[in-house]
Amino acid sequence: MIKIKKIVFFLLFSFFFMGSEAPSEGMTFSEKEKCHMIIHTAAGAAAASAAVMAQLPSADNVALMGILTTMTISLGLVFDVTLLEHTATSVAAKEFSAFILANCARVVSQWTVGWIPWVGNAINAATAAGIVEAVGWSIANHFDDQYGRR
C-alpha cells in the first residue's frame, strides 16, 4: 500500500507541475489573463472527463481532443486569429503529439493503476489536466510569437 501511495504522489506531483509552462514575455496583461482563463477552464474540463472515464483506459481521448480543439480556437481569438475547426484540430494534435513522452506516461499510468477506483480517477484527472495545461501554454506562446502585437 505504501508503494502505491508513493507512485500516486509521484505521478500527481510530476503531472501537476509538467504543465506549468509560463506565458511568453511578449503577451500583454489582458492576453495573459484571457489565456489563463481559457487554459485553466480547458484543463478543468479535461480533468473532469478523464476522472469520469478512468476505469476505461484511453476512453477519454475523444473528449480530450474536442477540449483541445475548442481551447485552440479560443486561444486564437485572443490573438485575433480565426481558425476553422479542422485547422484548430491539426494545431492541437501537433502540440499534443509534441508531449509524446507525457502521453506515454499517461497511458502507462492508465493501464497500471487507472482501473483502481478513486486512485485511478485522481491519477487520470491529474495527467489529463497537466497535459492540457502544457499544450495550452505552448499554443498560446506560439500564437503570441506569430501574431502578437509588437
C-alpha atoms as a PDB file:
ATOM      1  CA  MET A   1       0.000   0.000   0.000  1.00  0.00           C
ATOM      2  CA  ILE A   2       2.847   2.389   0.791  1.00  0.00           C
ATOM      3  CA  LYS A   3       4.402   1.710  -2.623  1.00  0.00           C
ATOM      4  CA  ILE A   4       1.128   2.616  -4.364  1.00  0.00           C
ATOM      5  CA  LYS A   5       0.915   5.834  -2.340  1.00  0.00           C
ATOM      6  CA  LYS A   6       4.448   6.773  -3.414  1.00  0.00           C
ATOM      7  CA  ILE A   7       3.628   6.089  -7.061  1.00  0.00           C
ATOM      8  CA  VAL A   8       0.418   8.112  -6.845  1.00  0.00           C
ATOM      9  CA  PHE A   9       2.225  11.004  -5.157  1.00  0.00           C
ATOM     10  CA  PHE A  10       4.999  10.960  -7.771  1.00  0.00           C
ATOM     11  CA  LEU A  11       2.559  10.896 -10.692  1.00  0.00           C
ATOM     12  CA  LEU A  12       0.353  13.638  -9.272  1.00  0.00           C
ATOM     13  CA  PHE A  13       3.351  15.814  -8.431  1.00  0.00           C
ATOM     14  CA  SER A  14       5.037  15.378 -11.803  1.00  0.00           C
ATOM     15  CA  PHE A  15       1.917  15.927 -13.881  1.00  0.00           C
ATOM     16  CA  PHE A  16       0.689  18.937 -11.940  1.00  0.00           C
ATOM     17  CA  PHE A  17       3.997  20.691 -12.484  1.00  0.00           C
ATOM     18  CA  MET A  18       4.546  19.420 -16.016  1.00  0.00           C
ATOM     19  CA  GLY A  19       2.004  21.897 -17.334  1.00  0.00           C
ATOM     20  CA  SER A  20       3.497  24.909 -15.631  1.00  0.00           C
ATOM     21  CA  GLU A  21       4.923  26.469 -18.790  1.00  0.00           C
ATOM     22  CA  ALA A  22       4.861  30.216 -18.338  1.00  0.00           C
ATOM     23  CA  PRO A  23       3.286  32.680 -20.742  1.00  0.00           C
ATOM     24  CA  SER A  24       5.751  34.465 -23.003  1.00  0.00           C
ATOM     25  CA  GLU A  25       7.034  37.876 -22.023  1.00  0.00           C
ATOM     26  CA  GLY A  26       5.539  39.482 -25.132  1.00  0.00           C
ATOM     27  CA  MET A  27       1.935  38.966 -24.042  1.00  0.00           C
ATOM     28  CA  THR A  28       0.002  41.870 -22.673  1.00  0.00           C
ATOM     29  CA  PHE A  29      -1.617  41.567 -19.250  1.00  0.00           C
ATOM     30  CA  SER A  30      -5.034  41.231 -20.864  1.00  0.00           C
ATOM     31  CA  GLU A  31      -3.831  38.457 -23.187  1.00  0.00           C
ATOM     32  CA  LYS A  32      -2.226  36.581 -20.287  1.00  0.00           C
ATOM     33  CA  GLU A  33      -5.429  36.788 -18.247  1.00  0.00           C
ATOM     34  CA  LYS A  34      -7.606  35.595 -21.138  1.00  0.00           C
ATOM     35  CA  CYS A  35      -5.208  32.747 -21.959  1.00  0.00           C
ATOM     36  CA  HIS A  36      -5.019  31.815 -18.283  1.00  0.00           C
ATOM     37  CA  MET A  37      -8.806  31.586 -18.053  1.00  0.00           C
ATOM     38  CA  ILE A  38      -9.168  29.592 -21.287  1.00  0.00           C
ATOM     39  CA  ILE A  39      -6.370  27.141 -20.481  1.00  0.00           C
ATOM     40  CA  HIS A  40      -7.432  26.501 -16.894  1.00  0.00           C
ATOM     41  CA  THR A  41     -11.050  26.022 -17.928  1.00  0.00           C
ATOM     42  CA  ALA A  42      -9.957  23.501 -20.552  1.00  0.00           C
ATOM     43  CA  ALA A  43      -7.689  21.751 -18.033  1.00  0.00           C
ATOM     44  CA  GLY A  44     -10.579  21.527 -15.569  1.00  0.00           C
ATOM     45  CA  ALA A  45     -12.867  20.092 -18.245  1.00  0.00           C
ATOM     46  CA  ALA A  46     -10.168  17.602 -19.242  1.00  0.00           C
ATOM     47  CA  ALA A  47      -9.660  16.560 -15.623  1.00  0.00           C
ATOM     48  CA  ALA A  48     -13.394  16.070 -15.143  1.00  0.00           C
ATOM     49  CA  SER A  49     -13.824  13.989 -18.291  1.00  0.00           C
ATOM     50  CA  ALA A  50     -10.710  11.943 -17.532  1.00  0.00           C
ATOM     51  CA  ALA A  51     -11.803  11.288 -13.954  1.00  0.00           C
ATOM     52  CA  VAL A  52     -15.225  10.092 -15.075  1.00  0.00           C
ATOM     53  CA  MET A  53     -13.767   7.729 -17.677  1.00  0.00           C
ATOM     54  CA  ALA A  54     -10.814   6.469 -15.627  1.00  0.00           C
ATOM     55  CA  GLN A  55     -11.817   2.832 -15.495  1.00  0.00           C
ATOM     56  CA  LEU A  56     -11.740   2.572 -19.309  1.00  0.00           C
ATOM     57  CA  PRO A  57      -8.156   3.279 -20.446  1.00  0.00           C
ATOM     58  CA  SER A  58      -7.893   5.766 -23.330  1.00  0.00           C
ATOM     59  CA  ALA A  59     -11.685   6.242 -23.428  1.00  0.00           C
ATOM     60  CA  ASP A  60     -11.314   9.959 -22.773  1.00  0.00           C
ATOM     61  CA  ASN A  61      -9.073  10.680 -25.768  1.00  0.00           C
ATOM     62  CA  VAL A  62     -12.000  11.721 -27.971  1.00  0.00           C
ATOM     63  CA  ALA A  63     -13.250  14.118 -25.304  1.00  0.00           C
ATOM     64  CA  LEU A  64      -9.715  15.470 -24.793  1.00  0.00           C
ATOM     65  CA  MET A  65      -9.315  16.168 -28.497  1.00  0.00           C
ATOM     66  CA  GLY A  66     -12.604  18.083 -28.509  1.00  0.00           C
ATOM     67  CA  ILE A  67     -11.472  20.076 -25.475  1.00  0.00           C
ATOM     68  CA  LEU A  68      -8.088  20.812 -27.084  1.00  0.00           C
ATOM     69  CA  THR A  69      -9.750  21.905 -30.340  1.00  0.00           C
ATOM     70  CA  THR A  70     -12.121  24.266 -28.521  1.00  0.00           C
ATOM     71  CA  MET A  71      -9.221  25.620 -26.444  1.00  0.00           C
ATOM     72  CA  THR A  72      -7.142  26.225 -29.585  1.00  0.00           C
ATOM     73  CA  ILE A  73      -9.950  28.131 -31.301  1.00  0.00           C
ATOM     74  CA  SER A  74     -10.492  30.224 -28.155  1.00  0.00           C
ATOM     75  CA  LEU A  75      -6.771  30.987 -27.809  1.00  0.00           C
ATOM     76  CA  GLY A  76      -6.701  32.017 -31.452  1.00  0.00           C
ATOM     77  CA  LEU A  77      -9.471  34.526 -30.789  1.00  0.00           C
ATOM     78  CA  VAL A  78      -7.368  36.137 -28.055  1.00  0.00           C
ATOM     79  CA  PHE A  79      -4.722  36.966 -30.690  1.00  0.00           C
ATOM     80  CA  ASP A  80      -7.273  37.791 -33.443  1.00  0.00           C
ATOM     81  CA  VAL A  81      -6.532  34.582 -35.317  1.00  0.00           C
ATOM     82  CA  THR A  82      -9.584  32.993 -36.902  1.00  0.00           C
ATOM     83  CA  LEU A  83      -9.251  29.216 -37.062  1.00  0.00           C
ATOM     84  CA  LEU A  84     -11.556  26.746 -38.710  1.00  0.00           C
ATOM     85  CA  GLU A  85     -12.304  23.588 -36.761  1.00  0.00           C
ATOM     86  CA  HIS A  86     -10.082  21.348 -38.882  1.00  0.00           C
ATOM     87  CA  THR A  87      -7.174  23.803 -38.627  1.00  0.00           C
ATOM     88  CA  ALA A  88      -7.561  24.053 -34.865  1.00  0.00           C
ATOM     89  CA  THR A  89      -7.710  20.270 -34.598  1.00  0.00           C
ATOM     90  CA  SER A  90      -4.462  19.898 -36.531  1.00  0.00           C
ATOM     91  CA  VAL A  91      -2.732  22.561 -34.404  1.00  0.00           C
ATOM     92  CA  ALA A  92      -3.945  20.878 -31.219  1.00  0.00           C
ATOM     93  CA  ALA A  93      -2.907  17.439 -32.496  1.00  0.00           C
ATOM     94  CA  LYS A  94       0.561  18.733 -33.426  1.00  0.00           C
ATOM     95  CA  GLU A  95       1.087  20.250 -29.992  1.00  0.00           C
ATOM     96  CA  PHE A  96      -0.447  17.224 -28.263  1.00  0.00           C
ATOM     97  CA  SER A  97       1.939  14.897 -30.096  1.00  0.00           C
ATOM     98  CA  ALA A  98       4.873  17.078 -29.015  1.00  0.00           C
ATOM     99  CA  PHE A  99       4.214  15.839 -25.498  1.00  0.00           C
ATOM    100  CA  ILE A 100       4.544  12.209 -26.575  1.00  0.00           C
ATOM    101  CA  LEU A 101       6.590  11.216 -23.533  1.00  0.00           C
ATOM    102  CA  ALA A 102       3.914  12.614 -21.244  1.00  0.00           C
ATOM    103  CA  ASN A 103       1.262  10.827 -23.286  1.00  0.00           C
ATOM    104  CA  CYS A 104       3.175   7.541 -22.950  1.00  0.00           C
ATOM    105  CA  ALA A 105       3.441   8.045 -19.196  1.00  0.00           C
ATOM    106  CA  ARG A 106      -0.272   8.804 -19.088  1.00  0.00           C
ATOM    107  CA  VAL A 107      -1.162   5.635 -20.976  1.00  0.00           C
ATOM    108  CA  VAL A 108       1.082   3.556 -18.719  1.00  0.00           C
ATOM    109  CA  SER A 109      -0.497   5.057 -15.610  1.00  0.00           C
ATOM    110  CA  GLN A 110      -3.982   4.444 -17.009  1.00  0.00           C
ATOM    111  CA  TRP A 111      -3.272   0.800 -17.714  1.00  0.00           C
ATOM    112  CA  THR A 112      -1.451   0.112 -14.442  1.00  0.00           C
ATOM    113  CA  VAL A 113      -3.492   1.942 -11.808  1.00  0.00           C
ATOM    114  CA  GLY A 114      -6.258   3.669 -13.776  1.00  0.00           C
ATOM    115  CA  TRP A 115      -8.719   0.895 -13.087  1.00  0.00           C
ATOM    116  CA  ILE A 116      -8.397   1.245  -9.295  1.00  0.00           C
ATOM    117  CA  PRO A 117     -11.410   3.216  -8.017  1.00  0.00           C
ATOM    118  CA  TRP A 118     -10.603   6.712  -6.718  1.00  0.00           C
ATOM    119  CA  VAL A 119      -6.825   6.319  -7.174  1.00  0.00           C
ATOM    120  CA  GLY A 120      -7.168   5.768 -10.905  1.00  0.00           C
ATOM    121  CA  ASN A 121      -9.653   8.604 -11.198  1.00  0.00           C
ATOM    122  CA  ALA A 122      -7.297  11.025  -9.434  1.00  0.00           C
ATOM    123  CA  ILE A 123      -4.265   9.996 -11.487  1.00  0.00           C
ATOM    124  CA  ASN A 124      -6.187  10.116 -14.747  1.00  0.00           C
ATOM    125  CA  ALA A 125      -7.561  13.571 -13.917  1.00  0.00           C
ATOM    126  CA  ALA A 126      -4.145  14.906 -12.910  1.00  0.00           C
ATOM    127  CA  THR A 127      -2.394  13.631 -16.008  1.00  0.00           C
ATOM    128  CA  ALA A 128      -5.096  14.956 -18.344  1.00  0.00           C
ATOM    129  CA  ALA A 129      -5.067  18.379 -16.681  1.00  0.00           C
ATOM    130  CA  GLY A 130      -1.268  18.557 -16.759  1.00  0.00           C
ATOM    131  CA  ILE A 131      -1.058  17.684 -20.430  1.00  0.00           C
ATOM    132  CA  VAL A 132      -3.812  20.143 -21.396  1.00  0.00           C
ATOM    133  CA  GLU A 133      -2.061  22.877 -19.351  1.00  0.00           C
ATOM    134  CA  ALA A 134       1.243  22.252 -21.118  1.00  0.00           C
ATOM    135  CA  VAL A 135      -0.324  22.069 -24.572  1.00  0.00           C
ATOM    136  CA  GLY A 136      -2.412  25.189 -23.896  1.00  0.00           C
ATOM    137  CA  TRP A 137       0.528  27.372 -22.899  1.00  0.00           C
ATOM    138  CA  SER A 138       2.532  26.019 -25.807  1.00  0.00           C
ATOM    139  CA  ILE A 139      -0.227  27.029 -28.233  1.00  0.00           C
ATOM    140  CA  ALA A 140      -0.697  30.416 -26.551  1.00  0.00           C
ATOM    141  CA  ASN A 141       3.030  31.152 -26.749  1.00  0.00           C
ATOM    142  CA  HIS A 142       3.065  30.059 -30.397  1.00  0.00           C
ATOM    143  CA  PHE A 143       0.181  32.381 -31.237  1.00  0.00           C
ATOM    144  CA  ASP A 144       1.860  35.204 -29.337  1.00  0.00           C
ATOM    145  CA  ASP A 145       5.126  34.686 -31.226  1.00  0.00           C
ATOM    146  CA  GLN A 146       3.386  34.524 -34.595  1.00  0.00           C
ATOM    147  CA  TYR A 147       0.528  37.004 -34.215  1.00  0.00           C
ATOM    148  CA  GLY A 148       1.205  39.041 -31.082  1.00  0.00           C
ATOM    149  CA  ARG A 149       1.172  42.824 -31.225  1.00  0.00           C
ATOM    150  CA  ARG A 150       4.731  44.116 -31.127  1.00  0.00           C
END
